[in-house]
Amino acid sequence: MGEPVRIKSLAEQMLRLSGLSLRDAQNPNGDIEIVCTGLRPGEKLYEELLIQAESQPTKHSLIFRATEHSLHPQDLWPRLDQLEEALKIQNPGKALDILSELVPEWKKAQN
């Protein structure tokens, strides 16, 4: 997958490749300023590409195949409709039960 890249470095590189310049203390007349705002609620520092962290190699040494659990759409859509209905009638217990069935890797909090 390669080495992690700092977002700020990536943004600066994209500016340069677009023919623009960075506006900062050293260059107050630059085209675009980068403002670091920090993480917002729900944001993560990294993304997991594999839920079960297992993959199989392919013919190409840098490409791997993941086999993840999934539901067939004819089974998924009715369950999503039931989840939506549980949310509409404000039944969190039912909604969480359906969610835990749809996403078996997720464990709801035990009270």
N, C-alpha and C. Protein backbone atom coordinates (compact mmCIF):
# COMPACT_ATOMS: atom_id res chain seq x y z
N MET A 1 0.81 -1.18 0.00
CA MET A 1 0.00 0.00 0.00
C MET A 1 0.86 1.25 0.00
N GLY A 2 2.09 1.14 0.43
CA GLY A 2 2.96 2.31 0.43
C GLY A 2 3.05 2.94 1.80
N GLU A 3 3.88 3.94 1.88
CA GLU A 3 4.10 4.63 3.14
C GLU A 3 3.02 5.69 3.37
N PRO A 4 2.69 5.95 4.65
CA PRO A 4 1.74 7.02 4.95
C PRO A 4 2.28 8.37 4.46
N VAL A 5 1.37 9.25 4.05
CA VAL A 5 1.74 10.58 3.56
C VAL A 5 1.04 11.61 4.44
N ARG A 6 1.78 12.61 4.87
CA ARG A 6 1.17 13.67 5.67
C ARG A 6 0.25 14.50 4.76
N ILE A 7 -0.93 14.78 5.26
CA ILE A 7 -1.93 15.51 4.47
C ILE A 7 -1.40 16.87 4.03
N LYS A 8 -0.71 17.56 4.94
CA LYS A 8 -0.20 18.89 4.59
C LYS A 8 0.81 18.78 3.44
N SER A 9 1.68 17.78 3.49
CA SER A 9 2.65 17.60 2.40
C SER A 9 1.94 17.30 1.09
N LEU A 10 0.89 16.49 1.15
CA LEU A 10 0.12 16.17 -0.05
C LEU A 10 -0.55 17.43 -0.60
N ALA A 11 -1.13 18.24 0.27
CA ALA A 11 -1.79 19.48 -0.17
C ALA A 11 -0.78 20.43 -0.82
N GLU A 12 0.40 20.56 -0.21
CA GLU A 12 1.43 21.43 -0.77
C GLU A 12 1.88 20.93 -2.14
N GLN A 13 2.03 19.63 -2.27
CA GLN A 13 2.44 19.05 -3.55
C GLN A 13 1.36 19.29 -4.61
N MET A 14 0.10 19.13 -4.24
CA MET A 14 -1.00 19.36 -5.19
C MET A 14 -1.02 20.82 -5.64
N LEU A 15 -0.74 21.74 -4.71
CA LEU A 15 -0.66 23.16 -5.09
C LEU A 15 0.42 23.38 -6.14
N ARG A 16 1.62 22.87 -5.86
CA ARG A 16 2.75 23.05 -6.79
C ARG A 16 2.44 22.43 -8.15
N LEU A 17 1.87 21.20 -8.15
CA LEU A 17 1.57 20.54 -9.42
C LEU A 17 0.47 21.25 -10.21
N SER A 18 -0.35 22.02 -9.51
CA SER A 18 -1.41 22.79 -10.18
C SER A 18 -0.92 24.15 -10.65
N GLY A 19 0.35 24.45 -10.39
CA GLY A 19 0.89 25.74 -10.80
C GLY A 19 0.55 26.86 -9.85
N LEU A 20 0.12 26.53 -8.64
CA LEU A 20 -0.24 27.54 -7.65
C LEU A 20 0.84 27.60 -6.58
N SER A 21 0.77 28.64 -5.76
CA SER A 21 1.75 28.78 -4.69
C SER A 21 1.05 28.82 -3.34
N LEU A 22 1.79 28.42 -2.33
CA LEU A 22 1.27 28.38 -0.96
C LEU A 22 1.35 29.78 -0.35
N ARG A 23 0.25 30.21 0.26
CA ARG A 23 0.25 31.47 0.99
C ARG A 23 0.55 31.16 2.45
N ASP A 24 1.68 31.69 2.95
CA ASP A 24 2.05 31.50 4.35
C ASP A 24 2.86 32.71 4.80
N ALA A 25 3.49 32.62 5.98
CA ALA A 25 4.25 33.75 6.53
C ALA A 25 5.40 34.14 5.60
N GLN A 26 6.03 33.16 4.95
CA GLN A 26 7.14 33.46 4.04
C GLN A 26 6.66 33.97 2.68
N ASN A 27 5.40 33.67 2.32
CA ASN A 27 4.87 34.09 1.03
C ASN A 27 3.44 34.60 1.21
N PRO A 28 3.26 35.82 1.73
CA PRO A 28 1.91 36.35 2.00
C PRO A 28 1.08 36.61 0.74
N ASN A 29 1.71 36.62 -0.42
CA ASN A 29 0.99 36.85 -1.68
C ASN A 29 0.71 35.55 -2.43
N GLY A 30 0.86 34.41 -1.77
CA GLY A 30 0.61 33.13 -2.42
C GLY A 30 -0.85 32.96 -2.80
N ASP A 31 -1.13 31.93 -3.58
CA ASP A 31 -2.48 31.70 -4.10
C ASP A 31 -3.43 31.11 -3.06
N ILE A 32 -2.98 30.11 -2.33
CA ILE A 32 -3.87 29.38 -1.43
C ILE A 32 -3.18 29.17 -0.08
N GLU A 33 -3.92 29.44 0.99
CA GLU A 33 -3.42 29.21 2.34
C GLU A 33 -3.95 27.85 2.83
N ILE A 34 -3.12 27.12 3.53
CA ILE A 34 -3.53 25.86 4.14
C ILE A 34 -3.75 26.14 5.62
N VAL A 35 -4.95 25.82 6.10
CA VAL A 35 -5.30 26.03 7.50
C VAL A 35 -5.52 24.67 8.15
N CYS A 36 -4.78 24.38 9.22
CA CYS A 36 -4.94 23.13 9.96
C CYS A 36 -5.97 23.35 11.05
N THR A 37 -7.07 22.62 10.97
CA THR A 37 -8.16 22.82 11.91
C THR A 37 -8.25 21.73 12.96
N GLY A 38 -7.51 20.64 12.79
CA GLY A 38 -7.59 19.53 13.73
C GLY A 38 -8.72 18.59 13.35
N LEU A 39 -8.85 17.52 14.12
CA LEU A 39 -9.89 16.53 13.84
C LEU A 39 -11.26 17.04 14.28
N ARG A 40 -12.24 16.77 13.47
CA ARG A 40 -13.63 17.06 13.84
C ARG A 40 -14.23 15.78 14.42
N PRO A 41 -15.34 15.89 15.14
CA PRO A 41 -15.95 14.68 15.71
C PRO A 41 -16.22 13.64 14.62
N GLY A 42 -15.79 12.41 14.87
CA GLY A 42 -16.02 11.32 13.93
C GLY A 42 -14.90 11.11 12.93
N GLU A 43 -13.97 12.06 12.80
CA GLU A 43 -12.87 11.89 11.86
C GLU A 43 -11.80 10.99 12.47
N LYS A 44 -11.07 10.31 11.60
CA LYS A 44 -10.03 9.38 12.05
C LYS A 44 -8.69 9.81 11.47
N LEU A 45 -7.64 9.35 12.11
CA LEU A 45 -6.31 9.65 11.61
C LEU A 45 -5.89 8.73 10.48
N TYR A 46 -6.49 7.55 10.39
CA TYR A 46 -6.16 6.61 9.32
C TYR A 46 -7.39 5.79 8.98
N GLU A 47 -7.39 5.17 7.82
CA GLU A 47 -8.51 4.36 7.36
C GLU A 47 -8.09 2.90 7.29
N GLU A 48 -8.97 2.04 7.73
CA GLU A 48 -8.73 0.61 7.60
C GLU A 48 -9.27 0.16 6.24
N LEU A 49 -8.44 -0.51 5.49
CA LEU A 49 -8.87 -0.98 4.18
C LEU A 49 -9.52 -2.35 4.25
N LEU A 50 -9.15 -3.13 5.25
CA LEU A 50 -9.70 -4.47 5.42
C LEU A 50 -10.34 -4.56 6.80
N ILE A 51 -11.58 -5.00 6.86
CA ILE A 51 -12.26 -5.13 8.14
C ILE A 51 -11.67 -6.29 8.93
N GLN A 52 -11.49 -7.43 8.30
CA GLN A 52 -10.99 -8.60 9.00
C GLN A 52 -9.47 -8.73 8.90
N ALA A 53 -8.82 -7.78 8.26
CA ALA A 53 -7.36 -7.73 8.13
C ALA A 53 -6.77 -9.01 7.52
N GLU A 54 -7.49 -9.63 6.62
CA GLU A 54 -6.97 -10.79 5.91
C GLU A 54 -7.10 -10.54 4.42
N SER A 55 -6.06 -10.92 3.69
CA SER A 55 -6.10 -10.77 2.24
C SER A 55 -5.34 -11.91 1.59
N GLN A 56 -5.64 -12.13 0.32
CA GLN A 56 -4.96 -13.16 -0.44
C GLN A 56 -4.13 -12.47 -1.54
N PRO A 57 -2.94 -13.00 -1.81
CA PRO A 57 -2.13 -12.40 -2.87
C PRO A 57 -2.74 -12.67 -4.25
N THR A 58 -2.38 -11.86 -5.20
CA THR A 58 -2.77 -12.05 -6.59
C THR A 58 -1.50 -12.23 -7.42
N LYS A 59 -1.64 -12.28 -8.74
CA LYS A 59 -0.47 -12.43 -9.60
C LYS A 59 0.48 -11.26 -9.46
N HIS A 60 -0.08 -10.07 -9.17
CA HIS A 60 0.76 -8.87 -9.00
C HIS A 60 1.17 -8.77 -7.55
N SER A 61 2.45 -8.59 -7.30
CA SER A 61 2.97 -8.62 -5.93
C SER A 61 2.46 -7.49 -5.04
N LEU A 62 1.95 -6.40 -5.63
CA LEU A 62 1.48 -5.27 -4.84
C LEU A 62 -0.05 -5.20 -4.74
N ILE A 63 -0.74 -6.18 -5.32
CA ILE A 63 -2.20 -6.18 -5.30
C ILE A 63 -2.68 -7.40 -4.52
N PHE A 64 -3.57 -7.14 -3.57
CA PHE A 64 -4.14 -8.21 -2.75
C PHE A 64 -5.64 -8.23 -2.90
N ARG A 65 -6.25 -9.38 -2.67
CA ARG A 65 -7.69 -9.55 -2.78
C ARG A 65 -8.26 -9.76 -1.38
N ALA A 66 -9.30 -9.02 -1.07
CA ALA A 66 -9.98 -9.16 0.22
C ALA A 66 -11.27 -9.93 0.02
N THR A 67 -11.57 -10.78 0.97
CA THR A 67 -12.85 -11.48 0.98
C THR A 67 -13.58 -11.04 2.24
N GLU A 68 -14.55 -10.19 2.06
CA GLU A 68 -15.30 -9.63 3.18
C GLU A 68 -16.73 -10.17 3.18
N HIS A 69 -17.30 -10.23 4.34
CA HIS A 69 -18.70 -10.63 4.48
C HIS A 69 -19.59 -9.55 3.87
N SER A 70 -20.60 -9.96 3.14
CA SER A 70 -21.55 -9.00 2.59
C SER A 70 -22.91 -9.68 2.45
N LEU A 71 -23.94 -8.86 2.40
CA LEU A 71 -25.30 -9.35 2.21
C LEU A 71 -25.72 -9.12 0.77
N HIS A 72 -26.49 -10.03 0.24
CA HIS A 72 -27.05 -9.86 -1.10
C HIS A 72 -28.06 -8.72 -1.03
N PRO A 73 -28.12 -7.87 -2.05
CA PRO A 73 -29.03 -6.73 -2.02
C PRO A 73 -30.48 -7.10 -1.71
N GLN A 74 -30.97 -8.26 -2.19
CA GLN A 74 -32.36 -8.63 -1.91
C GLN A 74 -32.58 -8.92 -0.42
N ASP A 75 -31.50 -9.22 0.33
CA ASP A 75 -31.59 -9.39 1.78
C ASP A 75 -31.31 -8.08 2.51
N LEU A 76 -30.42 -7.27 1.94
CA LEU A 76 -30.00 -6.03 2.59
C LEU A 76 -31.10 -4.97 2.61
N TRP A 77 -31.74 -4.72 1.46
CA TRP A 77 -32.70 -3.61 1.37
C TRP A 77 -33.88 -3.76 2.33
N PRO A 78 -34.48 -4.93 2.48
CA PRO A 78 -35.57 -5.05 3.46
C PRO A 78 -35.09 -4.77 4.90
N ARG A 79 -33.88 -5.21 5.22
CA ARG A 79 -33.35 -4.96 6.57
C ARG A 79 -33.09 -3.46 6.77
N LEU A 80 -32.62 -2.78 5.73
CA LEU A 80 -32.43 -1.33 5.83
C LEU A 80 -33.77 -0.61 5.98
N ASP A 81 -34.81 -1.12 5.29
CA ASP A 81 -36.14 -0.55 5.47
C ASP A 81 -36.62 -0.73 6.92
N GLN A 82 -36.35 -1.89 7.50
CA GLN A 82 -36.72 -2.14 8.89
C GLN A 82 -35.93 -1.23 9.83
N LEU A 83 -34.66 -1.02 9.53
CA LEU A 83 -33.84 -0.12 10.34
C LEU A 83 -34.39 1.30 10.27
N GLU A 84 -34.75 1.73 9.07
CA GLU A 84 -35.31 3.07 8.91
C GLU A 84 -36.62 3.22 9.69
N GLU A 85 -37.45 2.19 9.65
CA GLU A 85 -38.73 2.23 10.38
C GLU A 85 -38.48 2.29 11.89
N ALA A 86 -37.53 1.51 12.38
CA ALA A 86 -37.21 1.54 13.82
C ALA A 86 -36.71 2.93 14.23
N LEU A 87 -35.97 3.58 13.36
CA LEU A 87 -35.50 4.93 13.65
C LEU A 87 -36.64 5.93 13.62
N LYS A 88 -37.56 5.78 12.66
CA LYS A 88 -38.70 6.69 12.56
C LYS A 88 -39.58 6.65 13.80
N ILE A 89 -39.77 5.44 14.35
CA ILE A 89 -40.64 5.31 15.54
C ILE A 89 -39.83 5.44 16.83
N GLN A 90 -38.56 5.81 16.67
CA GLN A 90 -37.66 6.06 17.81
C GLN A 90 -37.56 4.84 18.73
N ASN A 91 -37.26 3.70 18.12
CA ASN A 91 -37.06 2.47 18.87
C ASN A 91 -35.57 2.11 18.78
N PRO A 92 -34.74 2.69 19.67
CA PRO A 92 -33.29 2.48 19.56
C PRO A 92 -32.88 1.03 19.78
N GLY A 93 -33.57 0.31 20.64
CA GLY A 93 -33.22 -1.09 20.87
C GLY A 93 -33.35 -1.91 19.60
N LYS A 94 -34.48 -1.76 18.91
CA LYS A 94 -34.70 -2.48 17.65
C LYS A 94 -33.69 -2.05 16.59
N ALA A 95 -33.45 -0.73 16.51
CA ALA A 95 -32.49 -0.21 15.52
C ALA A 95 -31.10 -0.78 15.77
N LEU A 96 -30.68 -0.82 17.02
CA LEU A 96 -29.35 -1.35 17.33
C LEU A 96 -29.27 -2.86 17.08
N ASP A 97 -30.37 -3.57 17.33
CA ASP A 97 -30.38 -5.01 17.04
C ASP A 97 -30.21 -5.26 15.54
N ILE A 98 -30.94 -4.49 14.72
CA ILE A 98 -30.83 -4.64 13.27
C ILE A 98 -29.43 -4.26 12.81
N LEU A 99 -28.90 -3.17 13.36
CA LEU A 99 -27.56 -2.73 12.99
C LEU A 99 -26.52 -3.79 13.33
N SER A 100 -26.66 -4.43 14.49
CA SER A 100 -25.69 -5.45 14.87
C SER A 100 -25.80 -6.70 13.98
N GLU A 101 -26.98 -6.95 13.43
CA GLU A 101 -27.13 -8.06 12.47
C GLU A 101 -26.51 -7.69 11.12
N LEU A 102 -26.70 -6.44 10.70
CA LEU A 102 -26.18 -6.00 9.40
C LEU A 102 -24.65 -5.88 9.42
N VAL A 103 -24.10 -5.50 10.57
CA VAL A 103 -22.65 -5.31 10.69
C VAL A 103 -22.16 -6.18 11.84
N PRO A 104 -21.94 -7.47 11.59
CA PRO A 104 -21.58 -8.39 12.68
C PRO A 104 -20.27 -8.02 13.38
N GLU A 105 -19.39 -7.28 12.69
CA GLU A 105 -18.12 -6.89 13.31
C GLU A 105 -18.32 -5.81 14.38
N TRP A 106 -19.45 -5.11 14.33
CA TRP A 106 -19.75 -4.04 15.27
C TRP A 106 -20.41 -4.64 16.50
N LYS A 107 -19.96 -4.22 17.65
CA LYS A 107 -20.55 -4.68 18.90
C LYS A 107 -21.18 -3.49 19.61
N LYS A 108 -22.48 -3.57 19.86
CA LYS A 108 -23.14 -2.46 20.54
C LYS A 108 -22.72 -2.45 22.00
N ALA A 109 -22.75 -1.28 22.60
CA ALA A 109 -22.36 -1.11 23.99
C ALA A 109 -23.32 -1.86 24.91
N GLN A 110 -22.76 -2.53 25.89
CA GLN A 110 -23.57 -3.27 26.86
C GLN A 110 -23.82 -2.36 28.06
N ASN A 111 -25.06 -2.23 28.47
CA ASN A 111 -25.41 -1.39 29.63
C ASN A 111 -25.36 -2.18 30.90
